[in-house]
Amino acid sequence: MKEIDFWFTVGSTYTYLSVMRLGALEAKNKIRFNMRPFSVRQLMQEQAGNPFLNNDKKMAYMQRDVERRALLYGLAIKSPVPYPIEKFELTNQIAVLGAQEGWCREFVCRCYHYWFGEGLVAGSPVNLSRSLDDIGQDPARVIREASSVAVVEALEDATNAARGLGLFGTPNFLVGDEVFWGDDRAEDAIRFAQTGGF
């Protein structure tokens, strides 16, 4: 089975559009996505910051664009989506812990479900608690372990790896060293993985 590395950050609005489709894309295309959480915030700060904050026109466009695409995919969305998220680093540390323990995708999907579908901002205590409860994880244990030095360092290592790959945004689909950036490139990445080119 062909594999694609899915490099993402919880907190990216466009990542919602991708992560919620991964299971269906896998089933349809007989492909596997490997979850690779990292902190895009660090990379954006190095590149002069978040393109949506302090820019009302870009923020409005992003909100509407994500809304249109969610409707196209049949995904739930309660607009406007609260942005940016709370406890950004902790939420991504939880994703890293989930990747280590095998429940990353389930957590991320529940987290985005509550954020986009119910307006409970990702990273908020209620979102984290519900998301973890839903997938059978103990929130107190997960938050404690996700806050450990080992997991903080694992997120930093993943971010350094993303930097080394030349990533600058999220989501990304990597087929070997070939980078496909953005939700709308998922199908291109799948085609490339299956055929070795275009």
C-alpha atoms as a PDB file:
ATOM      1  CA  MET A   1       0.000   0.000   0.000  1.00  0.00           C
ATOM      2  CA  LYS A   2       1.335   3.436  -0.943  1.00  0.00           C
ATOM      3  CA  GLU A   3       1.906   5.878   1.906  1.00  0.00           C
ATOM      4  CA  ILE A   4       1.776   9.668   2.155  1.00  0.00           C
ATOM      5  CA  ASP A   5       3.078  11.656   5.101  1.00  0.00           C
ATOM      6  CA  PHE A   6       0.456  14.160   6.242  1.00  0.00           C
ATOM      7  CA  TRP A   7       2.285  17.078   7.887  1.00  0.00           C
ATOM      8  CA  PHE A   8      -0.152  19.314   9.743  1.00  0.00           C
ATOM      9  CA  THR A   9      -0.741  21.639  12.661  1.00  0.00           C
ATOM     10  CA  VAL A  10      -3.892  21.702  14.774  1.00  0.00           C
ATOM     11  CA  GLY A  11      -4.893  25.338  14.567  1.00  0.00           C
ATOM     12  CA  SER A  12      -4.839  25.602  10.791  1.00  0.00           C
ATOM     13  CA  THR A  13      -8.308  26.150   9.389  1.00  0.00           C
ATOM     14  CA  TYR A  14      -7.425  24.508   6.085  1.00  0.00           C
ATOM     15  CA  THR A  15      -6.170  21.410   7.891  1.00  0.00           C
ATOM     16  CA  TYR A  16      -9.781  20.780   8.935  1.00  0.00           C
ATOM     17  CA  LEU A  17     -10.722  20.265   5.312  1.00  0.00           C
ATOM     18  CA  SER A  18      -8.014  17.637   4.862  1.00  0.00           C
ATOM     19  CA  VAL A  19      -7.964  15.728   8.119  1.00  0.00           C
ATOM     20  CA  MET A  20     -11.689  15.064   8.014  1.00  0.00           C
ATOM     21  CA  ARG A  21     -11.327  13.494   4.548  1.00  0.00           C
ATOM     22  CA  LEU A  22      -8.298  11.276   5.161  1.00  0.00           C
ATOM     23  CA  GLY A  23     -10.262   8.121   5.964  1.00  0.00           C
ATOM     24  CA  ALA A  24     -12.439   8.397   2.850  1.00  0.00           C
ATOM     25  CA  LEU A  25      -9.422   9.191   0.674  1.00  0.00           C
ATOM     26  CA  GLU A  26      -7.596   6.150   2.057  1.00  0.00           C
ATOM     27  CA  ALA A  27     -10.524   3.832   1.385  1.00  0.00           C
ATOM     28  CA  LYS A  28     -11.145   5.169  -2.113  1.00  0.00           C
ATOM     29  CA  ASN A  29      -7.509   5.150  -3.224  1.00  0.00           C
ATOM     30  CA  LYS A  30      -6.022   2.257  -1.202  1.00  0.00           C
ATOM     31  CA  ILE A  31      -3.444   4.573   0.288  1.00  0.00           C
ATOM     32  CA  ARG A  32      -2.294   5.283   3.826  1.00  0.00           C
ATOM     33  CA  PHE A  33      -1.702   8.680   5.419  1.00  0.00           C
ATOM     34  CA  ASN A  34       0.884   8.916   8.212  1.00  0.00           C
ATOM     35  CA  MET A  35       0.102  11.625  10.758  1.00  0.00           C
ATOM     36  CA  ARG A  36       3.013  14.065  11.224  1.00  0.00           C
ATOM     37  CA  PRO A  37       2.060  16.912  13.613  1.00  0.00           C
ATOM     38  CA  PHE A  38       4.395  19.917  13.872  1.00  0.00           C
ATOM     39  CA  SER A  39       4.218  23.573  14.930  1.00  0.00           C
ATOM     40  CA  VAL A  40       3.643  25.751  11.897  1.00  0.00           C
ATOM     41  CA  ARG A  41       3.470  28.766  14.223  1.00  0.00           C
ATOM     42  CA  GLN A  42       7.243  28.716  14.687  1.00  0.00           C
ATOM     43  CA  LEU A  43       7.803  28.595  10.937  1.00  0.00           C
ATOM     44  CA  MET A  44       5.310  31.410  10.330  1.00  0.00           C
ATOM     45  CA  GLN A  45       6.989  33.598  12.931  1.00  0.00           C
ATOM     46  CA  GLU A  46      10.231  33.130  11.056  1.00  0.00           C
ATOM     47  CA  GLN A  47       8.392  34.197   7.894  1.00  0.00           C
ATOM     48  CA  ALA A  48       6.899  37.385   9.388  1.00  0.00           C
ATOM     49  CA  GLY A  49       3.878  35.941  11.149  1.00  0.00           C
ATOM     50  CA  ASN A  50       0.364  34.662  10.536  1.00  0.00           C
ATOM     51  CA  PRO A  51      -1.023  35.952   7.213  1.00  0.00           C
ATOM     52  CA  PHE A  52      -4.580  36.194   8.583  1.00  0.00           C
ATOM     53  CA  LEU A  53      -4.114  37.998  11.884  1.00  0.00           C
ATOM     54  CA  ASN A  54      -4.281  41.793  11.734  1.00  0.00           C
ATOM     55  CA  ASN A  55      -5.569  41.586   8.150  1.00  0.00           C
ATOM     56  CA  ASP A  56      -9.355  41.797   8.063  1.00  0.00           C
ATOM     57  CA  LYS A  57      -9.623  41.172   4.321  1.00  0.00           C
ATOM     58  CA  LYS A  58      -7.513  38.011   4.390  1.00  0.00           C
ATOM     59  CA  MET A  59      -9.303  36.791   7.512  1.00  0.00           C
ATOM     60  CA  ALA A  60     -12.716  37.305   5.902  1.00  0.00           C
ATOM     61  CA  TYR A  61     -11.569  35.550   2.741  1.00  0.00           C
ATOM     62  CA  MET A  62     -10.133  32.607   4.681  1.00  0.00           C
ATOM     63  CA  GLN A  63     -13.339  32.190   6.686  1.00  0.00           C
ATOM     64  CA  ARG A  64     -15.513  32.218   3.556  1.00  0.00           C
ATOM     65  CA  ASP A  65     -13.145  30.018   1.570  1.00  0.00           C
ATOM     66  CA  VAL A  66     -13.053  27.356   4.282  1.00  0.00           C
ATOM     67  CA  GLU A  67     -16.833  27.563   4.632  1.00  0.00           C
ATOM     68  CA  ARG A  68     -17.338  27.023   0.868  1.00  0.00           C
ATOM     69  CA  ARG A  69     -14.940  24.096   0.762  1.00  0.00           C
ATOM     70  CA  ALA A  70     -16.459  22.486   3.866  1.00  0.00           C
ATOM     71  CA  LEU A  71     -19.891  22.666   2.240  1.00  0.00           C
ATOM     72  CA  LEU A  72     -18.445  21.189  -0.969  1.00  0.00           C
ATOM     73  CA  TYR A  73     -17.066  18.238   0.996  1.00  0.00           C
ATOM     74  CA  GLY A  74     -20.210  17.830   3.097  1.00  0.00           C
ATOM     75  CA  LEU A  75     -18.382  18.758   6.310  1.00  0.00           C
ATOM     76  CA  ALA A  76     -20.042  20.462   9.260  1.00  0.00           C
ATOM     77  CA  ILE A  77     -19.193  24.116   9.803  1.00  0.00           C
ATOM     78  CA  LYS A  78     -20.532  26.760  12.165  1.00  0.00           C
ATOM     79  CA  SER A  79     -19.409  30.134  10.831  1.00  0.00           C
ATOM     80  CA  PRO A  80     -17.552  32.187  11.691  1.00  0.00           C
ATOM     81  CA  VAL A  81     -15.039  29.699  13.034  1.00  0.00           C
ATOM     82  CA  PRO A  82     -13.293  30.970  16.211  1.00  0.00           C
ATOM     83  CA  TYR A  83      -9.718  31.840  15.291  1.00  0.00           C
ATOM     84  CA  PRO A  84      -6.933  31.565  16.384  1.00  0.00           C
ATOM     85  CA  ILE A  85      -7.034  28.611  18.773  1.00  0.00           C
ATOM     86  CA  GLU A  86      -6.295  28.513  22.491  1.00  0.00           C
ATOM     87  CA  LYS A  87      -3.329  26.622  23.982  1.00  0.00           C
ATOM     88  CA  PHE A  88      -1.802  26.136  20.541  1.00  0.00           C
ATOM     89  CA  GLU A  89       1.370  24.348  21.639  1.00  0.00           C
ATOM     90  CA  LEU A  90      -0.412  22.054  24.136  1.00  0.00           C
ATOM     91  CA  THR A  91      -2.937  20.987  21.497  1.00  0.00           C
ATOM     92  CA  ASN A  92      -0.152  20.070  19.087  1.00  0.00           C
ATOM     93  CA  GLN A  93       1.783  18.334  21.852  1.00  0.00           C
ATOM     94  CA  ILE A  94      -1.325  16.201  22.411  1.00  0.00           C
ATOM     95  CA  ALA A  95      -1.325  15.393  18.695  1.00  0.00           C
ATOM     96  CA  VAL A  96       2.331  14.348  18.962  1.00  0.00           C
ATOM     97  CA  LEU A  97       1.555  12.121  21.948  1.00  0.00           C
ATOM     98  CA  GLY A  98      -1.367  10.691  20.000  1.00  0.00           C
ATOM     99  CA  ALA A  99       0.929   9.933  17.057  1.00  0.00           C
ATOM    100  CA  GLN A 100       3.273   8.104  19.437  1.00  0.00           C
ATOM    101  CA  GLU A 101       0.425   6.119  20.987  1.00  0.00           C
ATOM    102  CA  GLY A 102      -1.672   5.523  17.856  1.00  0.00           C
ATOM    103  CA  TRP A 103      -4.720   7.771  18.414  1.00  0.00           C
ATOM    104  CA  CYS A 104      -3.600  11.019  16.771  1.00  0.00           C
ATOM    105  CA  ARG A 105      -6.067  11.090  13.889  1.00  0.00           C
ATOM    106  CA  GLU A 106      -9.025  10.274  16.119  1.00  0.00           C
ATOM    107  CA  PHE A 107      -8.113  13.092  18.497  1.00  0.00           C
ATOM    108  CA  VAL A 108      -7.519  15.627  15.726  1.00  0.00           C
ATOM    109  CA  CYS A 109     -10.822  14.777  14.025  1.00  0.00           C
ATOM    110  CA  ARG A 110     -12.779  15.151  17.268  1.00  0.00           C
ATOM    111  CA  CYS A 111     -10.954  18.384  18.104  1.00  0.00           C
ATOM    112  CA  TYR A 112     -11.847  19.841  14.698  1.00  0.00           C
ATOM    113  CA  HIS A 113     -15.396  18.505  14.942  1.00  0.00           C
ATOM    114  CA  TYR A 114     -15.998  20.496  18.124  1.00  0.00           C
ATOM    115  CA  TRP A 115     -14.161  23.540  16.779  1.00  0.00           C
ATOM    116  CA  PHE A 116     -15.820  23.768  13.361  1.00  0.00           C
ATOM    117  CA  GLY A 117     -19.097  22.007  14.052  1.00  0.00           C
ATOM    118  CA  GLU A 118     -19.934  23.414  17.474  1.00  0.00           C
ATOM    119  CA  GLY A 119     -17.809  26.545  17.797  1.00  0.00           C
ATOM    120  CA  LEU A 120     -15.739  25.203  20.716  1.00  0.00           C
ATOM    121  CA  VAL A 121     -12.328  26.607  19.920  1.00  0.00           C
ATOM    122  CA  ALA A 122      -9.570  24.023  19.610  1.00  0.00           C
ATOM    123  CA  GLY A 123      -7.321  23.983  22.649  1.00  0.00           C
ATOM    124  CA  SER A 124      -9.997  25.194  25.032  1.00  0.00           C
ATOM    125  CA  PRO A 125     -10.445  23.006  28.132  1.00  0.00           C
ATOM    126  CA  VAL A 126     -13.932  21.914  27.045  1.00  0.00           C
ATOM    127  CA  ASN A 127     -12.782  20.993  23.532  1.00  0.00           C
ATOM    128  CA  LEU A 128      -9.755  19.049  24.768  1.00  0.00           C
ATOM    129  CA  SER A 129     -11.738  17.238  27.449  1.00  0.00           C
ATOM    130  CA  ARG A 130     -14.573  16.235  25.116  1.00  0.00           C
ATOM    131  CA  SER A 131     -12.245  15.258  22.283  1.00  0.00           C
ATOM    132  CA  LEU A 132     -10.139  13.026  24.504  1.00  0.00           C
ATOM    133  CA  ASP A 133     -13.140  11.520  26.290  1.00  0.00           C
ATOM    134  CA  ASP A 134     -14.739  10.699  22.937  1.00  0.00           C
ATOM    135  CA  ILE A 135     -11.768   8.592  21.865  1.00  0.00           C
ATOM    136  CA  GLY A 136     -11.403   6.826  25.210  1.00  0.00           C
ATOM    137  CA  GLN A 137      -8.382   8.773  26.478  1.00  0.00           C
ATOM    138  CA  ASP A 138      -8.145  10.168  29.999  1.00  0.00           C
ATOM    139  CA  PRO A 139      -7.801  13.961  29.630  1.00  0.00           C
ATOM    140  CA  ALA A 140      -5.816  14.388  32.869  1.00  0.00           C
ATOM    141  CA  ARG A 141      -3.274  11.739  31.883  1.00  0.00           C
ATOM    142  CA  VAL A 142      -2.955  12.976  28.305  1.00  0.00           C
ATOM    143  CA  ILE A 143      -2.506  16.630  29.263  1.00  0.00           C
ATOM    144  CA  ARG A 144       0.064  15.671  31.907  1.00  0.00           C
ATOM    145  CA  GLU A 145       2.065  13.490  29.509  1.00  0.00           C
ATOM    146  CA  ALA A 146       1.699  15.925  26.604  1.00  0.00           C
ATOM    147  CA  SER A 147       3.214  18.623  28.827  1.00  0.00           C
ATOM    148  CA  SER A 148       6.280  16.506  29.604  1.00  0.00           C
ATOM    149  CA  VAL A 149       9.756  17.516  28.466  1.00  0.00           C
ATOM    150  CA  ALA A 150       9.914  14.468  26.191  1.00  0.00           C
ATOM    151  CA  VAL A 151       6.774  15.429  24.239  1.00  0.00           C
ATOM    152  CA  VAL A 152       7.687  19.133  24.119  1.00  0.00           C
ATOM    153  CA  GLU A 153      11.021  18.093  22.618  1.00  0.00           C
ATOM    154  CA  ALA A 154       9.303  15.687  20.205  1.00  0.00           C
ATOM    155  CA  LEU A 155       7.168  18.550  18.864  1.00  0.00           C
ATOM    156  CA  GLU A 156      10.281  20.697  18.514  1.00  0.00           C
ATOM    157  CA  ASP A 157      12.055  17.863  16.677  1.00  0.00           C
ATOM    158  CA  ALA A 158       9.084  17.464  14.330  1.00  0.00           C
ATOM    159  CA  THR A 159       9.063  21.220  13.671  1.00  0.00           C
ATOM    160  CA  ASN A 160      12.773  21.155  12.906  1.00  0.00           C
ATOM    161  CA  ALA A 161      12.169  18.253  10.536  1.00  0.00           C
ATOM    162  CA  ALA A 162       9.381  20.241   8.827  1.00  0.00           C
ATOM    163  CA  ARG A 163      11.732  23.201   8.504  1.00  0.00           C
ATOM    164  CA  GLY A 164      14.331  20.902   6.967  1.00  0.00           C
ATOM    165  CA  LEU A 165      11.786  19.678   4.432  1.00  0.00           C
ATOM    166  CA  GLY A 166      11.109  23.278   3.403  1.00  0.00           C
ATOM    167  CA  LEU A 167       7.549  23.359   4.755  1.00  0.00           C
ATOM    168  CA  PHE A 168       6.084  26.802   5.341  1.00  0.00           C
ATOM    169  CA  GLY A 169       2.376  26.197   5.878  1.00  0.00           C
ATOM    170  CA  THR A 170      -0.153  23.481   6.615  1.00  0.00           C
ATOM    171  CA  PRO A 171      -1.513  21.031   5.590  1.00  0.00           C
ATOM    172  CA  ASN A 172       1.139  19.273   3.527  1.00  0.00           C
ATOM    173  CA  PHE A 173       1.138  15.938   1.754  1.00  0.00           C
ATOM    174  CA  LEU A 174       4.606  14.487   1.205  1.00  0.00           C
ATOM    175  CA  VAL A 175       5.334  11.715  -1.239  1.00  0.00           C
ATOM    176  CA  GLY A 176       8.981  11.010  -0.576  1.00  0.00           C
ATOM    177  CA  ASP A 177      10.572  14.453  -0.913  1.00  0.00           C
ATOM    178  CA  GLU A 178       7.781  15.805  -3.118  1.00  0.00           C
ATOM    179  CA  VAL A 179       5.728  18.427  -1.238  1.00  0.00           C
ATOM    180  CA  PHE A 180       2.070  19.146  -1.991  1.00  0.00           C
ATOM    181  CA  TRP A 181       0.899  22.123   0.089  1.00  0.00           C
ATOM    182  CA  GLY A 182      -2.749  22.808   0.785  1.00  0.00           C
ATOM    183  CA  ASP A 183      -5.963  20.855   1.111  1.00  0.00           C
ATOM    184  CA  ASP A 184      -6.652  21.239  -2.597  1.00  0.00           C
ATOM    185  CA  ARG A 185      -3.466  19.288  -3.392  1.00  0.00           C
ATOM    186  CA  ALA A 186      -4.502  16.047  -1.654  1.00  0.00           C
ATOM    187  CA  GLU A 187      -5.647  14.398  -4.858  1.00  0.00           C
ATOM    188  CA  ASP A 188      -2.487  15.521  -6.673  1.00  0.00           C
ATOM    189  CA  ALA A 189      -0.373  13.896  -3.966  1.00  0.00           C
ATOM    190  CA  ILE A 190      -2.384  10.674  -4.220  1.00  0.00           C
ATOM    191  CA  ARG A 191      -1.968  10.596  -7.999  1.00  0.00           C
ATOM    192  CA  PHE A 192       1.765  11.213  -7.645  1.00  0.00           C
ATOM    193  CA  ALA A 193       2.104   8.456  -5.035  1.00  0.00           C
ATOM    194  CA  GLN A 194       0.256   5.961  -7.206  1.00  0.00           C
ATOM    195  CA  THR A 195       1.981   6.732 -10.505  1.00  0.00           C
ATOM    196  CA  GLY A 196       5.342   8.192  -9.498  1.00  0.00           C
ATOM    197  CA  GLY A 197       4.591  11.368 -11.445  1.00  0.00           C
ATOM    198  CA  PHE A 198       1.939  13.046 -13.587  1.00  0.00           C
END
